[in-house]
Amino acid sequence: MAQAGKGVRPAWVDDDLFPFESRFLDIDGHSVHYVDEGAGPTLLFLHGNPTWSFLWRDVIRVLRDDFRCLALDFPGFGLSTPRSGYRFLPEEHADIVTAFVDSLGLAEVTLVGQDWGGPIGLAAAQRRPGVFDRLVLANAWAWPVNGDPYFEAFARIVGGPPVRFLTRRLNLVVNAFIPMGHRRRKPTAVEMTHYRRALDTPARRRASAVLPGRLLASRGFFTEIEAGLADLDRLPTLIIWGNAQIGFRPRERERQEAIFSEHTTVIVEGAGLYVESDAPEEFVAAIRGWSSAP
C-alpha cells in the first residue's frame, strides 16, 4: 500500500543546487523521496549506486520545460528512509519502483535508467506491461554477469568484507566512485557533500555497500530480467553511453544494441559512468533529439 508521506527535506540540501520540491510517498512502510517536475510526456529517472535523485538535477532542470520528470530515491539512498528489515537488494528496489508506478497511476512512461537503475527499471517494466512505452538506458546492463572475469573480480573485491567495512565506516563507495565516475566535469566540494550527507551514517551506508556483491548474488533476478527482454525488445530504446567510463565495456553496449531492435545509440565522448551529471547538455540533447524523431 502507498500513501502520501510526511518526510522532511534536510537543511543540508541546497535549494540552488536542487531547486525542486521534495515529495514523499509511504510505500509499505518505506518513506520514498521523489521529485515531480514539469508537464508533458513522463520520464521516470532511476539512479544507480551510490547516487540519488540529485544525480539528475541538471537534466531535470532543463527537461522539465518539455516533460514530466519523476525521479525517486531507492530506500536507503538519498532522502528515502527504509523500513526495518529492508536488505537493499535490487529485487527489493524493483518492488519499490513497481509500487511507485502503481501508486501514481503512471502510463506511457519512458524509463530512464542509469547503472543499477537500468535493470531495476527493466524489472518494473516487465512487471507492468503496457505502462512503459520507451526506454533510455545510460551505462547499464540487463543480464547475469556470473562467470565474466571482469565483473566477478569487481563483485568479489568491492562486494567483499574488507571494502564493505570501509564503505560503512568511511563512505568509501561515495568517496571513490563519484569522482571516478565524472571524467569531464569533476564534482565540486558542495556536490560531494550532497552525496556524502545522503549516506552519512554506517547504517545508511549499508545501502551502497550491499549492491556490488549483488552483481553475482542476485543471479536469479538478472536471469528473470534477461528472460523478459523479449517482451521489451521492440520498444523504442535510446542507449546513452559514456565512452570514458570505468564500469561497463563496449561489449555491454553492443549486447544492448543486439537486444533492442528499435534502438538509437548516442556515444558521449570522454564522459564517465555518471554521464547525465558529467555531460548534462549532451544527455539532454540526446533525449530531446530522440523523443522528437518520427
C-alpha atoms as a PDB file:
ATOM      1  CA  MET A   1       0.000   0.000   0.000  1.00  0.00           C
ATOM      2  CA  ALA A   2       1.179   3.528  -0.755  1.00  0.00           C
ATOM      3  CA  GLN A   3       0.064   6.886   0.530  1.00  0.00           C
ATOM      4  CA  ALA A   4       1.349  10.431   0.788  1.00  0.00           C
ATOM      5  CA  GLY A   5       4.288  10.538   3.185  1.00  0.00           C
ATOM      6  CA  LYS A   6       5.435  13.093   5.714  1.00  0.00           C
ATOM      7  CA  GLY A   7       9.174  13.124   5.172  1.00  0.00           C
ATOM      8  CA  VAL A   8      11.166  16.266   5.840  1.00  0.00           C
ATOM      9  CA  ARG A   9      13.789  17.623   3.492  1.00  0.00           C
ATOM     10  CA  PRO A  10      17.008  18.122   5.498  1.00  0.00           C
ATOM     11  CA  ALA A  11      18.573  21.578   5.786  1.00  0.00           C
ATOM     12  CA  TRP A  12      21.802  20.466   4.098  1.00  0.00           C
ATOM     13  CA  VAL A  13      20.067  20.153   0.722  1.00  0.00           C
ATOM     14  CA  ASP A  14      20.994  23.305  -1.197  1.00  0.00           C
ATOM     15  CA  ASP A  15      17.912  24.851  -2.816  1.00  0.00           C
ATOM     16  CA  ASP A  16      20.002  26.368  -5.592  1.00  0.00           C
ATOM     17  CA  LEU A  17      21.688  23.074  -6.477  1.00  0.00           C
ATOM     18  CA  PHE A  18      18.493  21.036  -6.118  1.00  0.00           C
ATOM     19  CA  PRO A  19      15.718  23.534  -6.930  1.00  0.00           C
ATOM     20  CA  PHE A  20      12.821  21.095  -6.784  1.00  0.00           C
ATOM     21  CA  GLU A  21      10.059  20.379  -4.330  1.00  0.00           C
ATOM     22  CA  SER A  22      10.812  17.244  -2.303  1.00  0.00           C
ATOM     23  CA  ARG A  23       7.841  14.904  -2.102  1.00  0.00           C
ATOM     24  CA  PHE A  24       7.481  11.777  -0.006  1.00  0.00           C
ATOM     25  CA  LEU A  25       5.408   8.664  -0.518  1.00  0.00           C
ATOM     26  CA  ASP A  26       4.842   5.949   2.061  1.00  0.00           C
ATOM     27  CA  ILE A  27       5.247   2.617   0.277  1.00  0.00           C
ATOM     28  CA  ASP A  28       4.742  -0.404   2.505  1.00  0.00           C
ATOM     29  CA  GLY A  29       6.425   1.324   5.455  1.00  0.00           C
ATOM     30  CA  HIS A  30       9.228   2.982   3.483  1.00  0.00           C
ATOM     31  CA  SER A  31       9.393   6.760   3.154  1.00  0.00           C
ATOM     32  CA  VAL A  32      10.262   7.197  -0.525  1.00  0.00           C
ATOM     33  CA  HIS A  33      11.538  10.600  -1.599  1.00  0.00           C
ATOM     34  CA  TYR A  34      10.915  11.800  -5.128  1.00  0.00           C
ATOM     35  CA  VAL A  35      10.665  14.894  -7.280  1.00  0.00           C
ATOM     36  CA  ASP A  36       7.902  15.552  -9.807  1.00  0.00           C
ATOM     37  CA  GLU A  37       8.681  18.474 -12.093  1.00  0.00           C
ATOM     38  CA  GLY A  38       7.206  19.819 -15.311  1.00  0.00           C
ATOM     39  CA  ALA A  39       4.448  18.581 -17.586  1.00  0.00           C
ATOM     40  CA  GLY A  40       4.291  16.543 -20.764  1.00  0.00           C
ATOM     41  CA  PRO A  41       5.409  13.003 -21.613  1.00  0.00           C
ATOM     42  CA  THR A  42       6.583  11.214 -18.470  1.00  0.00           C
ATOM     43  CA  LEU A  43      10.249  10.451 -17.863  1.00  0.00           C
ATOM     44  CA  LEU A  44      10.995   8.225 -14.850  1.00  0.00           C
ATOM     45  CA  PHE A  45      14.628   8.640 -13.775  1.00  0.00           C
ATOM     46  CA  LEU A  46      16.216   5.808 -11.781  1.00  0.00           C
ATOM     47  CA  HIS A  47      19.670   6.190 -10.260  1.00  0.00           C
ATOM     48  CA  GLY A  48      22.429   3.695  -9.558  1.00  0.00           C
ATOM     49  CA  ASN A  49      24.989   3.273  -6.785  1.00  0.00           C
ATOM     50  CA  PRO A  50      25.795   5.313  -4.648  1.00  0.00           C
ATOM     51  CA  THR A  51      23.733   8.193  -6.010  1.00  0.00           C
ATOM     52  CA  TRP A  52      20.200   9.547  -5.636  1.00  0.00           C
ATOM     53  CA  SER A  53      17.831  11.890  -7.474  1.00  0.00           C
ATOM     54  CA  PHE A  54      20.415  14.654  -7.002  1.00  0.00           C
ATOM     55  CA  LEU A  55      22.307  12.959  -9.861  1.00  0.00           C
ATOM     56  CA  TRP A  56      19.622  14.095 -12.314  1.00  0.00           C
ATOM     57  CA  ARG A  57      19.406  17.725 -11.160  1.00  0.00           C
ATOM     58  CA  ASP A  58      20.935  19.376 -14.242  1.00  0.00           C
ATOM     59  CA  VAL A  59      18.985  17.164 -16.627  1.00  0.00           C
ATOM     60  CA  ILE A  60      15.648  17.741 -14.883  1.00  0.00           C
ATOM     61  CA  ARG A  61      16.220  21.487 -14.629  1.00  0.00           C
ATOM     62  CA  VAL A  62      16.146  21.663 -18.447  1.00  0.00           C
ATOM     63  CA  LEU A  63      13.880  18.780 -19.464  1.00  0.00           C
ATOM     64  CA  ARG A  64      11.024  19.867 -17.193  1.00  0.00           C
ATOM     65  CA  ASP A  65      10.232  22.504 -19.807  1.00  0.00           C
ATOM     66  CA  ASP A  66       9.061  19.723 -22.142  1.00  0.00           C
ATOM     67  CA  PHE A  67       8.479  16.639 -19.983  1.00  0.00           C
ATOM     68  CA  ARG A  68       7.089  15.493 -16.671  1.00  0.00           C
ATOM     69  CA  CYS A  69      10.255  14.493 -14.831  1.00  0.00           C
ATOM     70  CA  LEU A  70       9.928  11.992 -11.985  1.00  0.00           C
ATOM     71  CA  ALA A  71      12.989  10.859 -10.027  1.00  0.00           C
ATOM     72  CA  LEU A  72      12.849   8.739  -6.879  1.00  0.00           C
ATOM     73  CA  ASP A  73      15.441   7.600  -4.351  1.00  0.00           C
ATOM     74  CA  PHE A  74      15.606   3.903  -3.555  1.00  0.00           C
ATOM     75  CA  PRO A  75      15.132   3.223   0.182  1.00  0.00           C
ATOM     76  CA  GLY A  76      18.423   3.839   1.959  1.00  0.00           C
ATOM     77  CA  PHE A  77      19.631   6.255  -0.722  1.00  0.00           C
ATOM     78  CA  GLY A  78      19.214   9.999  -0.940  1.00  0.00           C
ATOM     79  CA  LEU A  79      16.349  11.242   1.200  1.00  0.00           C
ATOM     80  CA  SER A  80      14.411   7.957   1.307  1.00  0.00           C
ATOM     81  CA  THR A  81      14.164   6.026   4.573  1.00  0.00           C
ATOM     82  CA  PRO A  82      13.763   2.249   4.568  1.00  0.00           C
ATOM     83  CA  ARG A  83      11.596   0.380   6.991  1.00  0.00           C
ATOM     84  CA  SER A  84      13.222  -2.022   9.434  1.00  0.00           C
ATOM     85  CA  GLY A  85      14.389  -5.264   7.839  1.00  0.00           C
ATOM     86  CA  TYR A  86      14.971  -3.889   4.345  1.00  0.00           C
ATOM     87  CA  ARG A  87      18.028  -5.565   2.821  1.00  0.00           C
ATOM     88  CA  PHE A  88      18.771  -3.075  -0.009  1.00  0.00           C
ATOM     89  CA  LEU A  89      18.647  -5.782  -2.677  1.00  0.00           C
ATOM     90  CA  PRO A  90      17.945  -4.910  -6.323  1.00  0.00           C
ATOM     91  CA  GLU A  91      14.950  -7.243  -6.165  1.00  0.00           C
ATOM     92  CA  GLU A  92      13.501  -5.116  -3.369  1.00  0.00           C
ATOM     93  CA  HIS A  93      14.269  -1.859  -5.177  1.00  0.00           C
ATOM     94  CA  ALA A  94      12.347  -3.201  -8.197  1.00  0.00           C
ATOM     95  CA  ASP A  95       9.373  -3.857  -5.895  1.00  0.00           C
ATOM     96  CA  ILE A  96       9.524  -0.233  -4.739  1.00  0.00           C
ATOM     97  CA  VAL A  97       9.655   1.134  -8.286  1.00  0.00           C
ATOM     98  CA  THR A  98       6.708  -1.055  -9.287  1.00  0.00           C
ATOM     99  CA  ALA A  99       4.677   0.150  -6.302  1.00  0.00           C
ATOM    100  CA  PHE A 100       5.669   3.749  -7.057  1.00  0.00           C
ATOM    101  CA  VAL A 101       4.392   3.422 -10.627  1.00  0.00           C
ATOM    102  CA  ASP A 102       1.152   1.897  -9.362  1.00  0.00           C
ATOM    103  CA  SER A 103       0.606   4.493  -6.649  1.00  0.00           C
ATOM    104  CA  LEU A 104       0.944   7.426  -9.045  1.00  0.00           C
ATOM    105  CA  GLY A 105      -1.132   5.711 -11.707  1.00  0.00           C
ATOM    106  CA  LEU A 106       1.543   6.256 -14.331  1.00  0.00           C
ATOM    107  CA  ALA A 107       1.064   5.424 -18.004  1.00  0.00           C
ATOM    108  CA  GLU A 108       3.024   5.934 -21.219  1.00  0.00           C
ATOM    109  CA  VAL A 109       6.252   6.150 -19.238  1.00  0.00           C
ATOM    110  CA  THR A 110       9.763   6.457 -20.602  1.00  0.00           C
ATOM    111  CA  LEU A 111      12.172   4.651 -18.301  1.00  0.00           C
ATOM    112  CA  VAL A 112      15.488   6.483 -17.900  1.00  0.00           C
ATOM    113  CA  GLY A 113      17.749   4.079 -16.034  1.00  0.00           C
ATOM    114  CA  GLN A 114      21.427   4.553 -15.268  1.00  0.00           C
ATOM    115  CA  ASP A 115      23.728   1.866 -13.829  1.00  0.00           C
ATOM    116  CA  TRP A 116      21.591  -0.212 -11.394  1.00  0.00           C
ATOM    117  CA  GLY A 117      18.593   1.895 -12.368  1.00  0.00           C
ATOM    118  CA  GLY A 118      18.662   0.115 -15.736  1.00  0.00           C
ATOM    119  CA  PRO A 119      17.973  -3.474 -14.617  1.00  0.00           C
ATOM    120  CA  ILE A 120      15.810  -2.358 -11.691  1.00  0.00           C
ATOM    121  CA  GLY A 121      13.666  -0.284 -14.050  1.00  0.00           C
ATOM    122  CA  LEU A 122      13.516  -3.039 -16.661  1.00  0.00           C
ATOM    123  CA  ALA A 123      12.267  -5.440 -13.979  1.00  0.00           C
ATOM    124  CA  ALA A 124       9.475  -2.989 -13.151  1.00  0.00           C
ATOM    125  CA  ALA A 125       8.660  -2.550 -16.844  1.00  0.00           C
ATOM    126  CA  GLN A 126       8.335  -6.318 -17.252  1.00  0.00           C
ATOM    127  CA  ARG A 127       6.005  -6.489 -14.267  1.00  0.00           C
ATOM    128  CA  ARG A 128       3.803  -3.712 -15.656  1.00  0.00           C
ATOM    129  CA  PRO A 129       3.463  -4.408 -19.375  1.00  0.00           C
ATOM    130  CA  GLY A 130       1.875  -1.540 -21.245  1.00  0.00           C
ATOM    131  CA  VAL A 131       2.893   1.112 -18.708  1.00  0.00           C
ATOM    132  CA  PHE A 132       6.360   1.733 -20.156  1.00  0.00           C
ATOM    133  CA  ASP A 133       6.465   2.523 -23.860  1.00  0.00           C
ATOM    134  CA  ARG A 134      10.032   3.800 -24.334  1.00  0.00           C
ATOM    135  CA  LEU A 135      13.414   3.072 -22.755  1.00  0.00           C
ATOM    136  CA  VAL A 136      16.534   5.136 -22.135  1.00  0.00           C
ATOM    137  CA  LEU A 137      19.463   3.090 -20.837  1.00  0.00           C
ATOM    138  CA  ALA A 138      22.535   5.024 -19.736  1.00  0.00           C
ATOM    139  CA  ASN A 139      25.625   2.963 -18.912  1.00  0.00           C
ATOM    140  CA  ALA A 140      23.554  -0.020 -17.835  1.00  0.00           C
ATOM    141  CA  TRP A 141      23.121  -3.766 -18.393  1.00  0.00           C
ATOM    142  CA  ALA A 142      20.284  -6.312 -18.191  1.00  0.00           C
ATOM    143  CA  TRP A 143      21.560  -9.890 -17.709  1.00  0.00           C
ATOM    144  CA  PRO A 144      23.563 -12.081 -15.305  1.00  0.00           C
ATOM    145  CA  VAL A 145      27.308 -11.430 -15.230  1.00  0.00           C
ATOM    146  CA  ASN A 146      28.332 -14.551 -13.315  1.00  0.00           C
ATOM    147  CA  GLY A 147      31.320 -16.173 -14.966  1.00  0.00           C
ATOM    148  CA  ASP A 148      32.593 -12.972 -16.563  1.00  0.00           C
ATOM    149  CA  PRO A 149      36.053 -12.399 -15.016  1.00  0.00           C
ATOM    150  CA  TYR A 150      35.664  -8.619 -15.284  1.00  0.00           C
ATOM    151  CA  PHE A 151      32.513  -8.477 -13.170  1.00  0.00           C
ATOM    152  CA  GLU A 152      33.479 -11.425 -10.985  1.00  0.00           C
ATOM    153  CA  ALA A 153      36.599  -9.554  -9.862  1.00  0.00           C
ATOM    154  CA  PHE A 154      34.704  -6.326  -9.194  1.00  0.00           C
ATOM    155  CA  ALA A 155      31.936  -8.043  -7.231  1.00  0.00           C
ATOM    156  CA  ARG A 156      34.302 -10.111  -5.131  1.00  0.00           C
ATOM    157  CA  ILE A 157      36.638  -7.214  -4.332  1.00  0.00           C
ATOM    158  CA  VAL A 158      34.221  -4.296  -3.908  1.00  0.00           C
ATOM    159  CA  GLY A 159      31.494  -6.562  -2.573  1.00  0.00           C
ATOM    160  CA  GLY A 160      33.837  -8.406  -0.225  1.00  0.00           C
ATOM    161  CA  PRO A 161      34.010  -7.926   3.566  1.00  0.00           C
ATOM    162  CA  PRO A 162      37.002  -5.502   3.677  1.00  0.00           C
ATOM    163  CA  VAL A 163      35.528  -2.998   1.207  1.00  0.00           C
ATOM    164  CA  ARG A 164      32.037  -3.358   2.682  1.00  0.00           C
ATOM    165  CA  PHE A 165      33.543  -2.487   6.069  1.00  0.00           C
ATOM    166  CA  LEU A 166      35.364   0.544   4.649  1.00  0.00           C
ATOM    167  CA  THR A 167      32.196   1.651   2.901  1.00  0.00           C
ATOM    168  CA  ARG A 168      30.169   1.523   6.099  1.00  0.00           C
ATOM    169  CA  ARG A 169      32.862   3.212   8.186  1.00  0.00           C
ATOM    170  CA  LEU A 170      34.420   5.680   5.720  1.00  0.00           C
ATOM    171  CA  ASN A 171      31.816   6.067   2.951  1.00  0.00           C
ATOM    172  CA  LEU A 172      34.341   4.551   0.547  1.00  0.00           C
ATOM    173  CA  VAL A 173      31.968   3.942  -2.364  1.00  0.00           C
ATOM    174  CA  VAL A 174      30.877   7.593  -2.423  1.00  0.00           C
ATOM    175  CA  ASN A 175      34.389   8.943  -1.977  1.00  0.00           C
ATOM    176  CA  ALA A 176      35.809   6.696  -4.706  1.00  0.00           C
ATOM    177  CA  PHE A 177      33.003   6.154  -7.215  1.00  0.00           C
ATOM    178  CA  ILE A 178      31.640   9.689  -7.572  1.00  0.00           C
ATOM    179  CA  PRO A 179      34.968  11.329  -8.548  1.00  0.00           C
ATOM    180  CA  MET A 180      35.985   8.366 -10.756  1.00  0.00           C
ATOM    181  CA  GLY A 181      32.601   8.387 -12.471  1.00  0.00           C
ATOM    182  CA  HIS A 182      32.976  12.005 -13.612  1.00  0.00           C
ATOM    183  CA  ARG A 183      35.648  12.338 -16.272  1.00  0.00           C
ATOM    184  CA  ARG A 184      34.757  15.663 -17.913  1.00  0.00           C
ATOM    185  CA  ARG A 185      33.302  17.643 -15.044  1.00  0.00           C
ATOM    186  CA  LYS A 186      34.645  16.852 -11.599  1.00  0.00           C
ATOM    187  CA  PRO A 187      32.113  17.296  -8.791  1.00  0.00           C
ATOM    188  CA  THR A 188      32.582  20.328  -6.580  1.00  0.00           C
ATOM    189  CA  ALA A 189      33.089  20.117  -2.830  1.00  0.00           C
ATOM    190  CA  VAL A 190      29.470  21.139  -2.278  1.00  0.00           C
ATOM    191  CA  GLU A 191      28.218  18.491  -4.683  1.00  0.00           C
ATOM    192  CA  MET A 192      30.319  15.833  -2.938  1.00  0.00           C
ATOM    193  CA  THR A 193      28.787  16.938   0.350  1.00  0.00           C
ATOM    194  CA  HIS A 194      25.347  16.135  -1.040  1.00  0.00           C
ATOM    195  CA  TYR A 195      26.414  12.589  -1.857  1.00  0.00           C
ATOM    196  CA  ARG A 196      28.203  12.115   1.478  1.00  0.00           C
ATOM    197  CA  ARG A 197      25.402  13.541   3.613  1.00  0.00           C
ATOM    198  CA  ALA A 198      22.847  11.312   1.905  1.00  0.00           C
ATOM    199  CA  LEU A 199      24.828   8.329   3.281  1.00  0.00           C
ATOM    200  CA  ASP A 200      26.054   9.949   6.468  1.00  0.00           C
ATOM    201  CA  THR A 201      25.939   7.048   8.939  1.00  0.00           C
ATOM    202  CA  PRO A 202      27.244   3.474   8.877  1.00  0.00           C
ATOM    203  CA  ALA A 203      23.654   2.251   8.865  1.00  0.00           C
ATOM    204  CA  ARG A 204      22.767   4.402   5.847  1.00  0.00           C
ATOM    205  CA  ARG A 205      25.916   3.332   4.005  1.00  0.00           C
ATOM    206  CA  ARG A 206      24.826  -0.275   4.066  1.00  0.00           C
ATOM    207  CA  ALA A 207      22.683   0.542   1.028  1.00  0.00           C
ATOM    208  CA  SER A 208      25.742   1.322  -1.088  1.00  0.00           C
ATOM    209  CA  ALA A 209      27.826  -1.477   0.444  1.00  0.00           C
ATOM    210  CA  VAL A 210      25.332  -4.204  -0.488  1.00  0.00           C
ATOM    211  CA  LEU A 211      24.919  -3.652  -4.227  1.00  0.00           C
ATOM    212  CA  PRO A 212      28.389  -4.546  -5.568  1.00  0.00           C
ATOM    213  CA  GLY A 213      28.134  -8.075  -4.208  1.00  0.00           C
ATOM    214  CA  ARG A 214      24.649  -8.456  -5.643  1.00  0.00           C
ATOM    215  CA  LEU A 215      26.112  -8.432  -9.148  1.00  0.00           C
ATOM    216  CA  LEU A 216      26.745 -12.128  -8.516  1.00  0.00           C
ATOM    217  CA  ALA A 217      24.409 -12.943  -5.635  1.00  0.00           C
ATOM    218  CA  SER A 218      21.271 -11.720  -7.458  1.00  0.00           C
ATOM    219  CA  ARG A 219      21.799 -14.045 -10.397  1.00  0.00           C
ATOM    220  CA  GLY A 220      18.192 -15.208 -10.277  1.00  0.00           C
ATOM    221  CA  PHE A 221      16.943 -11.636 -10.511  1.00  0.00           C
ATOM    222  CA  PHE A 222      19.089 -10.918 -13.555  1.00  0.00           C
ATOM    223  CA  THR A 223      18.116 -14.224 -15.163  1.00  0.00           C
ATOM    224  CA  GLU A 224      14.451 -13.217 -14.905  1.00  0.00           C
ATOM    225  CA  ILE A 225      15.202  -9.819 -16.435  1.00  0.00           C
ATOM    226  CA  GLU A 226      17.090 -11.390 -19.320  1.00  0.00           C
ATOM    227  CA  ALA A 227      14.254 -13.856 -19.944  1.00  0.00           C
ATOM    228  CA  GLY A 228      11.754 -10.988 -20.063  1.00  0.00           C
ATOM    229  CA  LEU A 229      13.672  -8.826 -22.511  1.00  0.00           C
ATOM    230  CA  ALA A 230      11.813 -10.416 -25.422  1.00  0.00           C
ATOM    231  CA  ASP A 231       8.712  -8.575 -24.203  1.00  0.00           C
ATOM    232  CA  LEU A 232      10.531  -5.225 -24.340  1.00  0.00           C
ATOM    233  CA  ASP A 233      12.877  -5.577 -27.288  1.00  0.00           C
ATOM    234  CA  ARG A 234      10.553  -3.790 -29.714  1.00  0.00           C
ATOM    235  CA  LEU A 235      10.184  -0.694 -27.536  1.00  0.00           C
ATOM    236  CA  PRO A 236      11.964   2.379 -28.923  1.00  0.00           C
ATOM    237  CA  THR A 237      15.225   2.481 -26.957  1.00  0.00           C
ATOM    238  CA  LEU A 238      17.861   5.150 -26.572  1.00  0.00           C
ATOM    239  CA  ILE A 239      21.265   3.919 -25.410  1.00  0.00           C
ATOM    240  CA  ILE A 240      23.416   6.721 -24.000  1.00  0.00           C
ATOM    241  CA  TRP A 241      26.993   5.673 -23.450  1.00  0.00           C
ATOM    242  CA  GLY A 242      29.907   7.493 -21.836  1.00  0.00           C
ATOM    243  CA  ASN A 243      32.961   6.066 -23.551  1.00  0.00           C
ATOM    244  CA  ALA A 244      35.458   7.055 -20.842  1.00  0.00           C
ATOM    245  CA  GLN A 245      33.715   5.247 -18.009  1.00  0.00           C
ATOM    246  CA  ILE A 246      35.152   2.757 -15.593  1.00  0.00           C
ATOM    247  CA  GLY A 247      32.321   0.324 -15.165  1.00  0.00           C
ATOM    248  CA  PHE A 248      30.997  -1.078 -18.403  1.00  0.00           C
ATOM    249  CA  ARG A 249      32.810  -2.031 -21.585  1.00  0.00           C
ATOM    250  CA  PRO A 250      31.801  -1.563 -25.229  1.00  0.00           C
ATOM    251  CA  ARG A 251      30.660  -5.187 -25.295  1.00  0.00           C
ATOM    252  CA  GLU A 252      27.861  -4.336 -22.809  1.00  0.00           C
ATOM    253  CA  ARG A 253      26.678  -1.561 -25.117  1.00  0.00           C
ATOM    254  CA  GLU A 254      26.891  -3.833 -28.145  1.00  0.00           C
ATOM    255  CA  ARG A 255      24.861  -6.500 -26.397  1.00  0.00           C
ATOM    256  CA  GLN A 256      22.102  -3.974 -25.669  1.00  0.00           C
ATOM    257  CA  GLU A 257      22.166  -2.886 -29.294  1.00  0.00           C
ATOM    258  CA  ALA A 258      21.658  -6.504 -30.336  1.00  0.00           C
ATOM    259  CA  ILE A 259      18.777  -6.985 -27.882  1.00  0.00           C
ATOM    260  CA  PHE A 260      16.765  -3.836 -28.585  1.00  0.00           C
ATOM    261  CA  SER A 261      15.975  -3.853 -32.279  1.00  0.00           C
ATOM    262  CA  GLU A 262      14.466  -0.334 -32.266  1.00  0.00           C
ATOM    263  CA  HIS A 263      17.491   1.318 -30.681  1.00  0.00           C
ATOM    264  CA  THR A 264      19.350   4.560 -31.186  1.00  0.00           C
ATOM    265  CA  THR A 265      22.823   4.894 -29.678  1.00  0.00           C
ATOM    266  CA  VAL A 266      24.429   8.149 -28.598  1.00  0.00           C
ATOM    267  CA  ILE A 267      28.064   7.877 -27.510  1.00  0.00           C
ATOM    268  CA  VAL A 268      29.177  10.765 -25.313  1.00  0.00           C
ATOM    269  CA  GLU A 269      32.874  11.244 -25.894  1.00  0.00           C
ATOM    270  CA  GLY A 270      35.015  11.472 -22.788  1.00  0.00           C
ATOM    271  CA  ALA A 271      32.125  11.043 -20.350  1.00  0.00           C
ATOM    272  CA  GLY A 272      32.224   8.762 -17.349  1.00  0.00           C
ATOM    273  CA  LEU A 273      29.826   6.400 -15.598  1.00  0.00           C
ATOM    274  CA  TYR A 274      27.565   9.206 -14.356  1.00  0.00           C
ATOM    275  CA  VAL A 275      27.100  10.552 -17.866  1.00  0.00           C
ATOM    276  CA  GLU A 276      23.948  12.553 -17.017  1.00  0.00           C
ATOM    277  CA  SER A 277      25.897  14.565 -14.470  1.00  0.00           C
ATOM    278  CA  ASP A 278      29.215  14.526 -16.312  1.00  0.00           C
ATOM    279  CA  ALA A 279      27.796  15.781 -19.625  1.00  0.00           C
ATOM    280  CA  PRO A 280      24.238  17.014 -18.922  1.00  0.00           C
ATOM    281  CA  GLU A 281      23.949  19.189 -22.028  1.00  0.00           C
ATOM    282  CA  GLU A 282      24.664  16.241 -24.313  1.00  0.00           C
ATOM    283  CA  PHE A 283      22.405  13.972 -22.284  1.00  0.00           C
ATOM    284  CA  VAL A 284      19.525  16.441 -22.631  1.00  0.00           C
ATOM    285  CA  ALA A 285      20.186  16.892 -26.349  1.00  0.00           C
ATOM    286  CA  ALA A 286      20.165  13.121 -26.855  1.00  0.00           C
ATOM    287  CA  ILE A 287      16.764  12.712 -25.172  1.00  0.00           C
ATOM    288  CA  ARG A 288      15.223  15.702 -26.933  1.00  0.00           C
ATOM    289  CA  GLY A 289      16.511  14.660 -30.346  1.00  0.00           C
ATOM    290  CA  TRP A 290      15.402  11.063 -29.937  1.00  0.00           C
ATOM    291  CA  SER A 291      11.999  11.968 -28.489  1.00  0.00           C
ATOM    292  CA  SER A 292      11.201  14.314 -31.371  1.00  0.00           C
ATOM    293  CA  ALA A 293      12.299  11.909 -34.093  1.00  0.00           C
ATOM    294  CA  PRO A 294       9.451  10.495 -36.219  1.00  0.00           C
END
